[in-house]
């Protein structure tokens, strides 16, 4: 009897969440947005007054493995997956790179999807080091950018723009080493749509499914405007 009441309570909470995602006049989002470092997923419809003020990734400028300048403009009209790594990492980074390569290969022929990996040890990961790493790991130039730059800029981008460490990251300084396994899904408006463990199969599958969802939604929106 207690178990039945518990299930009923869970179902009621679920209904409240679903109902809160729907608005009578606006189009509800199928994937959440992340607005703050609390990393609370929020479903916001187009008629919600918060829709125009959703957190976006700040402009940036780095250099990739091909010596090309990579900015936010590089990802205009693209969905992309971002993460933070370093080439000499002996622990989680090789796993993250392998998983990112799997997602890259899955979307290899889809020009709407790109990938962006920032080194957290720019004093080690020169352009030449990134190039060698890219060649060894099957990185496709132009689709997957491994970037380096000033440490302060990279760490700020991670903690403030991508909110990679949540609220804890906002309390850290440049001297606090950054090491996080998250992949971050960014939509065409540079808004955060999901966080995923970069080392687990379950989360990688969820990432692939979420990218496909965004692609389908974009395709549907384009069809309606034609």
C-alpha atoms as a PDB file:
ATOM      1  CA  UNK A   1       0.000   0.000   0.000  1.00  0.00           C
ATOM      2  CA  UNK A   2       2.862   2.357   0.879  1.00  0.00           C
ATOM      3  CA  UNK A   3       4.562   1.478  -2.412  1.00  0.00           C
ATOM      4  CA  UNK A   4       1.394   2.263  -4.376  1.00  0.00           C
ATOM      5  CA  UNK A   5       1.109   5.674  -2.718  1.00  0.00           C
ATOM      6  CA  UNK A   6       4.790   6.329  -3.496  1.00  0.00           C
ATOM      7  CA  UNK A   7       4.318   5.481  -7.176  1.00  0.00           C
ATOM      8  CA  UNK A   8       1.246   7.676  -7.275  1.00  0.00           C
ATOM      9  CA  UNK A   9       3.209  10.592  -5.844  1.00  0.00           C
ATOM     10  CA  UNK A  10       5.981  10.132  -8.407  1.00  0.00           C
ATOM     11  CA  UNK A  11       3.402  10.064 -11.201  1.00  0.00           C
ATOM     12  CA  UNK A  12       1.788  13.251  -9.923  1.00  0.00           C
ATOM     13  CA  UNK A  13       5.155  15.016  -9.831  1.00  0.00           C
ATOM     14  CA  UNK A  14       5.861  13.797 -13.382  1.00  0.00           C
ATOM     15  CA  UNK A  15       2.543  15.222 -14.587  1.00  0.00           C
ATOM     16  CA  UNK A  16       3.340  18.572 -13.013  1.00  0.00           C
ATOM     17  CA  UNK A  17       6.683  18.677 -14.823  1.00  0.00           C
ATOM     18  CA  UNK A  18       5.144  17.757 -18.176  1.00  0.00           C
ATOM     19  CA  UNK A  19       2.309  20.259 -17.778  1.00  0.00           C
ATOM     20  CA  UNK A  20       4.751  23.010 -16.854  1.00  0.00           C
ATOM     21  CA  UNK A  21       6.601  22.406 -20.132  1.00  0.00           C
ATOM     22  CA  UNK A  22       3.531  23.183 -22.213  1.00  0.00           C
ATOM     23  CA  UNK A  23       2.149  26.623 -22.939  1.00  0.00           C
ATOM     24  CA  UNK A  24      -1.159  27.339 -24.723  1.00  0.00           C
ATOM     25  CA  UNK A  25       0.229  29.885 -27.177  1.00  0.00           C
ATOM     26  CA  UNK A  26       3.907  29.015 -27.502  1.00  0.00           C
ATOM     27  CA  UNK A  27       5.868  26.096 -28.836  1.00  0.00           C
ATOM     28  CA  UNK A  28       7.258  24.010 -25.979  1.00  0.00           C
ATOM     29  CA  UNK A  29      10.848  22.812 -26.232  1.00  0.00           C
ATOM     30  CA  UNK A  30      11.501  19.071 -26.293  1.00  0.00           C
ATOM     31  CA  UNK A  31      14.969  19.521 -24.785  1.00  0.00           C
ATOM     32  CA  UNK A  32      15.614  21.725 -21.772  1.00  0.00           C
ATOM     33  CA  UNK A  33      17.704  24.867 -21.561  1.00  0.00           C
ATOM     34  CA  UNK A  34      20.269  25.544 -18.846  1.00  0.00           C
ATOM     35  CA  UNK A  35      20.125  29.127 -17.635  1.00  0.00           C
ATOM     36  CA  UNK A  36      22.297  29.232 -14.526  1.00  0.00           C
ATOM     37  CA  UNK A  37      25.227  27.502 -12.822  1.00  0.00           C
ATOM     38  CA  UNK A  38      22.744  25.508 -10.742  1.00  0.00           C
ATOM     39  CA  UNK A  39      22.448  23.391 -13.908  1.00  0.00           C
ATOM     40  CA  UNK A  40      18.723  22.975 -13.455  1.00  0.00           C
ATOM     41  CA  UNK A  41      17.058  21.901 -16.725  1.00  0.00           C
ATOM     42  CA  UNK A  42      14.201  24.213 -17.741  1.00  0.00           C
ATOM     43  CA  UNK A  43      11.718  23.727 -20.545  1.00  0.00           C
ATOM     44  CA  UNK A  44      10.849  27.176 -21.898  1.00  0.00           C
ATOM     45  CA  UNK A  45       8.312  27.825 -24.630  1.00  0.00           C
ATOM     46  CA  UNK A  46       8.677  30.522 -27.264  1.00  0.00           C
ATOM     47  CA  UNK A  47       6.014  32.710 -25.648  1.00  0.00           C
ATOM     48  CA  UNK A  48       7.685  32.634 -22.236  1.00  0.00           C
ATOM     49  CA  UNK A  49       9.081  36.047 -21.256  1.00  0.00           C
ATOM     50  CA  UNK A  50      12.368  34.348 -20.369  1.00  0.00           C
ATOM     51  CA  UNK A  51      12.843  32.937 -23.873  1.00  0.00           C
ATOM     52  CA  UNK A  52      14.717  35.971 -25.192  1.00  0.00           C
ATOM     53  CA  UNK A  53      17.081  36.044 -22.204  1.00  0.00           C
ATOM     54  CA  UNK A  54      18.200  32.401 -22.130  1.00  0.00           C
ATOM     55  CA  UNK A  55      21.888  32.013 -21.262  1.00  0.00           C
ATOM     56  CA  UNK A  56      24.130  31.803 -24.342  1.00  0.00           C
ATOM     57  CA  UNK A  57      27.782  30.919 -24.817  1.00  0.00           C
ATOM     58  CA  UNK A  58      29.862  34.109 -24.876  1.00  0.00           C
ATOM     59  CA  UNK A  59      31.898  35.029 -27.988  1.00  0.00           C
ATOM     60  CA  UNK A  60      35.357  33.466 -28.121  1.00  0.00           C
ATOM     61  CA  UNK A  61      38.478  33.256 -30.261  1.00  0.00           C
ATOM     62  CA  UNK A  62      40.997  30.401 -30.181  1.00  0.00           C
ATOM     63  CA  UNK A  63      43.366  28.619 -32.581  1.00  0.00           C
ATOM     64  CA  UNK A  64      42.867  25.012 -33.680  1.00  0.00           C
ATOM     65  CA  UNK A  65      45.080  22.126 -34.751  1.00  0.00           C
ATOM     66  CA  UNK A  66      45.242  23.482 -38.313  1.00  0.00           C
ATOM     67  CA  UNK A  67      46.380  26.949 -37.155  1.00  0.00           C
ATOM     68  CA  UNK A  68      42.940  28.304 -38.071  1.00  0.00           C
ATOM     69  CA  UNK A  69      41.265  30.935 -35.901  1.00  0.00           C
ATOM     70  CA  UNK A  70      38.111  29.440 -34.415  1.00  0.00           C
ATOM     71  CA  UNK A  71      35.412  31.788 -33.106  1.00  0.00           C
ATOM     72  CA  UNK A  72      31.740  31.606 -32.259  1.00  0.00           C
ATOM     73  CA  UNK A  73      31.137  32.516 -35.910  1.00  0.00           C
ATOM     74  CA  UNK A  74      32.702  29.188 -36.892  1.00  0.00           C
ATOM     75  CA  UNK A  75      29.632  27.533 -35.401  1.00  0.00           C
ATOM     76  CA  UNK A  76      26.972  29.820 -36.865  1.00  0.00           C
ATOM     77  CA  UNK A  77      23.970  27.741 -37.976  1.00  0.00           C
ATOM     78  CA  UNK A  78      25.496  24.614 -36.419  1.00  0.00           C
ATOM     79  CA  UNK A  79      24.819  22.426 -33.434  1.00  0.00           C
ATOM     80  CA  UNK A  80      28.011  21.543 -31.631  1.00  0.00           C
ATOM     81  CA  UNK A  81      29.384  19.527 -28.742  1.00  0.00           C
ATOM     82  CA  UNK A  82      32.033  21.127 -26.533  1.00  0.00           C
ATOM     83  CA  UNK A  83      34.373  19.698 -23.935  1.00  0.00           C
ATOM     84  CA  UNK A  84      37.650  20.369 -22.110  1.00  0.00           C
ATOM     85  CA  UNK A  85      40.651  18.027 -22.149  1.00  0.00           C
ATOM     86  CA  UNK A  86      44.433  17.857 -22.467  1.00  0.00           C
ATOM     87  CA  UNK A  87      46.576  15.671 -24.683  1.00  0.00           C
ATOM     88  CA  UNK A  88      48.844  14.354 -21.912  1.00  0.00           C
ATOM     89  CA  UNK A  89      45.981  13.348 -19.614  1.00  0.00           C
ATOM     90  CA  UNK A  90      46.484   9.704 -18.529  1.00  0.00           C
ATOM     91  CA  UNK A  91      43.026   9.107 -17.070  1.00  0.00           C
ATOM     92  CA  UNK A  92      39.634  10.211 -18.385  1.00  0.00           C
ATOM     93  CA  UNK A  93      40.696  12.261 -21.430  1.00  0.00           C
ATOM     94  CA  UNK A  94      41.565   9.292 -23.672  1.00  0.00           C
ATOM     95  CA  UNK A  95      38.119   7.848 -22.919  1.00  0.00           C
ATOM     96  CA  UNK A  96      36.460  11.197 -23.619  1.00  0.00           C
ATOM     97  CA  UNK A  97      38.311  11.567 -26.913  1.00  0.00           C
ATOM     98  CA  UNK A  98      37.322   8.061 -27.983  1.00  0.00           C
ATOM     99  CA  UNK A  99      33.663   8.763 -27.179  1.00  0.00           C
ATOM    100  CA  UNK A 100      33.738  12.119 -28.962  1.00  0.00           C
ATOM    101  CA  UNK A 101      35.230  10.347 -31.989  1.00  0.00           C
ATOM    102  CA  UNK A 102      32.293   7.921 -31.960  1.00  0.00           C
ATOM    103  CA  UNK A 103      29.801  10.797 -32.051  1.00  0.00           C
ATOM    104  CA  UNK A 104      31.845  12.569 -34.741  1.00  0.00           C
ATOM    105  CA  UNK A 105      31.805   9.452 -36.905  1.00  0.00           C
ATOM    106  CA  UNK A 106      28.059   9.009 -36.393  1.00  0.00           C
ATOM    107  CA  UNK A 107      27.401  12.545 -37.695  1.00  0.00           C
ATOM    108  CA  UNK A 108      30.302  12.599 -40.168  1.00  0.00           C
ATOM    109  CA  UNK A 109      28.089  13.314 -43.185  1.00  0.00           C
ATOM    110  CA  UNK A 110      25.817  15.788 -41.384  1.00  0.00           C
ATOM    111  CA  UNK A 111      27.143  19.298 -41.978  1.00  0.00           C
ATOM    112  CA  UNK A 112      24.949  20.751 -39.221  1.00  0.00           C
ATOM    113  CA  UNK A 113      26.980  19.117 -36.437  1.00  0.00           C
ATOM    114  CA  UNK A 114      30.451  20.133 -35.260  1.00  0.00           C
ATOM    115  CA  UNK A 115      32.720  19.494 -32.279  1.00  0.00           C
ATOM    116  CA  UNK A 116      34.924  21.728 -30.135  1.00  0.00           C
ATOM    117  CA  UNK A 117      37.540  20.498 -27.659  1.00  0.00           C
ATOM    118  CA  UNK A 118      39.483  23.030 -25.583  1.00  0.00           C
ATOM    119  CA  UNK A 119      42.818  22.145 -24.038  1.00  0.00           C
ATOM    120  CA  UNK A 120      43.145  23.000 -20.369  1.00  0.00           C
ATOM    121  CA  UNK A 121      46.955  22.902 -20.586  1.00  0.00           C
ATOM    122  CA  UNK A 122      47.682  25.434 -23.321  1.00  0.00           C
ATOM    123  CA  UNK A 123      51.280  25.766 -22.101  1.00  0.00           C
ATOM    124  CA  UNK A 124      51.738  22.141 -23.274  1.00  0.00           C
ATOM    125  CA  UNK A 125      49.210  21.780 -26.049  1.00  0.00           C
ATOM    126  CA  UNK A 126      50.655  23.890 -28.830  1.00  0.00           C
ATOM    127  CA  UNK A 127      49.169  23.838 -32.317  1.00  0.00           C
ATOM    128  CA  UNK A 128      51.723  21.214 -33.300  1.00  0.00           C
ATOM    129  CA  UNK A 129      50.874  19.037 -30.302  1.00  0.00           C
ATOM    130  CA  UNK A 130      47.169  19.293 -31.074  1.00  0.00           C
ATOM    131  CA  UNK A 131      47.794  18.437 -34.725  1.00  0.00           C
ATOM    132  CA  UNK A 132      49.683  15.269 -33.844  1.00  0.00           C
ATOM    133  CA  UNK A 133      46.969  14.307 -31.356  1.00  0.00           C
ATOM    134  CA  UNK A 134      44.234  14.978 -33.918  1.00  0.00           C
ATOM    135  CA  UNK A 135      45.907  12.775 -36.498  1.00  0.00           C
ATOM    136  CA  UNK A 136      46.346   9.969 -33.996  1.00  0.00           C
ATOM    137  CA  UNK A 137      42.723  10.121 -32.815  1.00  0.00           C
ATOM    138  CA  UNK A 138      40.936  10.381 -36.160  1.00  0.00           C
ATOM    139  CA  UNK A 139      39.827  13.986 -35.770  1.00  0.00           C
ATOM    140  CA  UNK A 140      38.240  15.338 -38.955  1.00  0.00           C
ATOM    141  CA  UNK A 141      39.599  18.804 -39.735  1.00  0.00           C
ATOM    142  CA  UNK A 142      36.903  21.421 -40.147  1.00  0.00           C
ATOM    143  CA  UNK A 143      34.371  19.306 -38.259  1.00  0.00           C
ATOM    144  CA  UNK A 144      36.150  18.783 -34.961  1.00  0.00           C
ATOM    145  CA  UNK A 145      38.299  21.652 -33.713  1.00  0.00           C
ATOM    146  CA  UNK A 146      40.913  21.094 -30.995  1.00  0.00           C
ATOM    147  CA  UNK A 147      41.718  24.576 -29.742  1.00  0.00           C
ATOM    148  CA  UNK A 148      44.319  26.326 -27.646  1.00  0.00           C
ATOM    149  CA  UNK A 149      44.713  29.898 -26.427  1.00  0.00           C
ATOM    150  CA  UNK A 150      45.285  31.865 -23.264  1.00  0.00           C
ATOM    151  CA  UNK A 151      44.627  29.840 -20.131  1.00  0.00           C
ATOM    152  CA  UNK A 152      42.546  32.612 -18.566  1.00  0.00           C
ATOM    153  CA  UNK A 153      40.301  32.781 -21.635  1.00  0.00           C
ATOM    154  CA  UNK A 154      39.835  29.004 -21.819  1.00  0.00           C
ATOM    155  CA  UNK A 155      39.088  28.627 -18.108  1.00  0.00           C
ATOM    156  CA  UNK A 156      36.651  31.536 -18.126  1.00  0.00           C
ATOM    157  CA  UNK A 157      34.900  30.083 -21.153  1.00  0.00           C
ATOM    158  CA  UNK A 158      34.590  26.731 -19.394  1.00  0.00           C
ATOM    159  CA  UNK A 159      33.325  28.032 -16.086  1.00  0.00           C
ATOM    160  CA  UNK A 160      31.286  31.088 -17.061  1.00  0.00           C
ATOM    161  CA  UNK A 161      30.110  30.429 -20.624  1.00  0.00           C
ATOM    162  CA  UNK A 162      29.628  26.642 -20.534  1.00  0.00           C
ATOM    163  CA  UNK A 163      29.033  26.452 -16.760  1.00  0.00           C
ATOM    164  CA  UNK A 164      31.045  23.240 -16.953  1.00  0.00           C
ATOM    165  CA  UNK A 165      31.607  22.879 -13.205  1.00  0.00           C
ATOM    166  CA  UNK A 166      28.298  24.323 -12.078  1.00  0.00           C
ATOM    167  CA  UNK A 167      28.279  26.738  -9.153  1.00  0.00           C
ATOM    168  CA  UNK A 168      31.578  25.377  -7.857  1.00  0.00           C
ATOM    169  CA  UNK A 169      33.342  26.585 -10.995  1.00  0.00           C
ATOM    170  CA  UNK A 170      32.216  30.168 -10.454  1.00  0.00           C
ATOM    171  CA  UNK A 171      34.060  30.173  -7.130  1.00  0.00           C
ATOM    172  CA  UNK A 172      37.371  29.055  -8.621  1.00  0.00           C
ATOM    173  CA  UNK A 173      40.223  31.113 -10.022  1.00  0.00           C
ATOM    174  CA  UNK A 174      42.525  30.704 -12.981  1.00  0.00           C
ATOM    175  CA  UNK A 175      45.066  28.840 -10.848  1.00  0.00           C
ATOM    176  CA  UNK A 176      42.530  26.138  -9.949  1.00  0.00           C
ATOM    177  CA  UNK A 177      43.090  23.340 -12.450  1.00  0.00           C
ATOM    178  CA  UNK A 178      40.129  22.486 -14.665  1.00  0.00           C
ATOM    179  CA  UNK A 179      39.390  18.796 -15.203  1.00  0.00           C
ATOM    180  CA  UNK A 180      35.837  17.766 -16.044  1.00  0.00           C
ATOM    181  CA  UNK A 181      34.357  14.898 -18.044  1.00  0.00           C
ATOM    182  CA  UNK A 182      31.224  16.668 -19.265  1.00  0.00           C
ATOM    183  CA  UNK A 183      30.229  17.083 -22.907  1.00  0.00           C
ATOM    184  CA  UNK A 184      28.001  20.123 -23.503  1.00  0.00           C
ATOM    185  CA  UNK A 185      25.427  20.271 -26.304  1.00  0.00           C
ATOM    186  CA  UNK A 186      24.967  23.730 -27.836  1.00  0.00           C
ATOM    187  CA  UNK A 187      22.186  24.654 -30.260  1.00  0.00           C
ATOM    188  CA  UNK A 188      22.289  26.995 -33.239  1.00  0.00           C
ATOM    189  CA  UNK A 189      21.549  30.001 -31.023  1.00  0.00           C
ATOM    190  CA  UNK A 190      24.527  29.139 -28.751  1.00  0.00           C
ATOM    191  CA  UNK A 191      22.242  27.987 -25.917  1.00  0.00           C
ATOM    192  CA  UNK A 192      23.088  25.045 -23.652  1.00  0.00           C
ATOM    193  CA  UNK A 193      20.720  22.113 -24.248  1.00  0.00           C
ATOM    194  CA  UNK A 194      22.349  19.258 -22.342  1.00  0.00           C
ATOM    195  CA  UNK A 195      25.210  17.919 -20.237  1.00  0.00           C
ATOM    196  CA  UNK A 196      26.540  14.392 -20.638  1.00  0.00           C
ATOM    197  CA  UNK A 197      29.246  12.225 -19.137  1.00  0.00           C
ATOM    198  CA  UNK A 198      31.928  11.883 -21.778  1.00  0.00           C
ATOM    199  CA  UNK A 199      32.953   8.416 -20.629  1.00  0.00           C
ATOM    200  CA  UNK A 200      29.697   6.432 -20.336  1.00  0.00           C
ATOM    201  CA  UNK A 201      27.927   4.654 -23.184  1.00  0.00           C
ATOM    202  CA  UNK A 202      24.484   5.505 -21.824  1.00  0.00           C
ATOM    203  CA  UNK A 203      25.139   9.242 -21.830  1.00  0.00           C
ATOM    204  CA  UNK A 204      26.779   9.135 -25.262  1.00  0.00           C
ATOM    205  CA  UNK A 205      23.690   7.419 -26.645  1.00  0.00           C
ATOM    206  CA  UNK A 206      21.535  10.101 -25.014  1.00  0.00           C
ATOM    207  CA  UNK A 207      23.733  12.792 -26.588  1.00  0.00           C
ATOM    208  CA  UNK A 208      23.303  11.276 -30.057  1.00  0.00           C
ATOM    209  CA  UNK A 209      19.539  11.089 -29.580  1.00  0.00           C
ATOM    210  CA  UNK A 210      19.363  14.694 -28.367  1.00  0.00           C
ATOM    211  CA  UNK A 211      21.372  15.955 -31.351  1.00  0.00           C
ATOM    212  CA  UNK A 212      18.995  14.112 -33.661  1.00  0.00           C
ATOM    213  CA  UNK A 213      16.061  15.708 -31.843  1.00  0.00           C
ATOM    214  CA  UNK A 214      17.463  19.206 -32.405  1.00  0.00           C
ATOM    215  CA  UNK A 215      18.121  18.432 -36.075  1.00  0.00           C
ATOM    216  CA  UNK A 216      14.528  17.253 -36.564  1.00  0.00           C
ATOM    217  CA  UNK A 217      13.137  20.307 -34.794  1.00  0.00           C
ATOM    218  CA  UNK A 218      15.269  22.633 -36.926  1.00  0.00           C
ATOM    219  CA  UNK A 219      14.154  20.843 -40.071  1.00  0.00           C
ATOM    220  CA  UNK A 220      10.494  21.172 -39.037  1.00  0.00           C
ATOM    221  CA  UNK A 221      10.895  24.878 -38.288  1.00  0.00           C
ATOM    222  CA  UNK A 222      12.537  25.491 -41.659  1.00  0.00           C
ATOM    223  CA  UNK A 223       9.726  23.640 -43.449  1.00  0.00           C
ATOM    224  CA  UNK A 224       7.096  25.785 -41.721  1.00  0.00           C
ATOM    225  CA  UNK A 225       8.794  29.005 -42.829  1.00  0.00           C
ATOM    226  CA  UNK A 226       9.152  28.004 -46.482  1.00  0.00           C
END
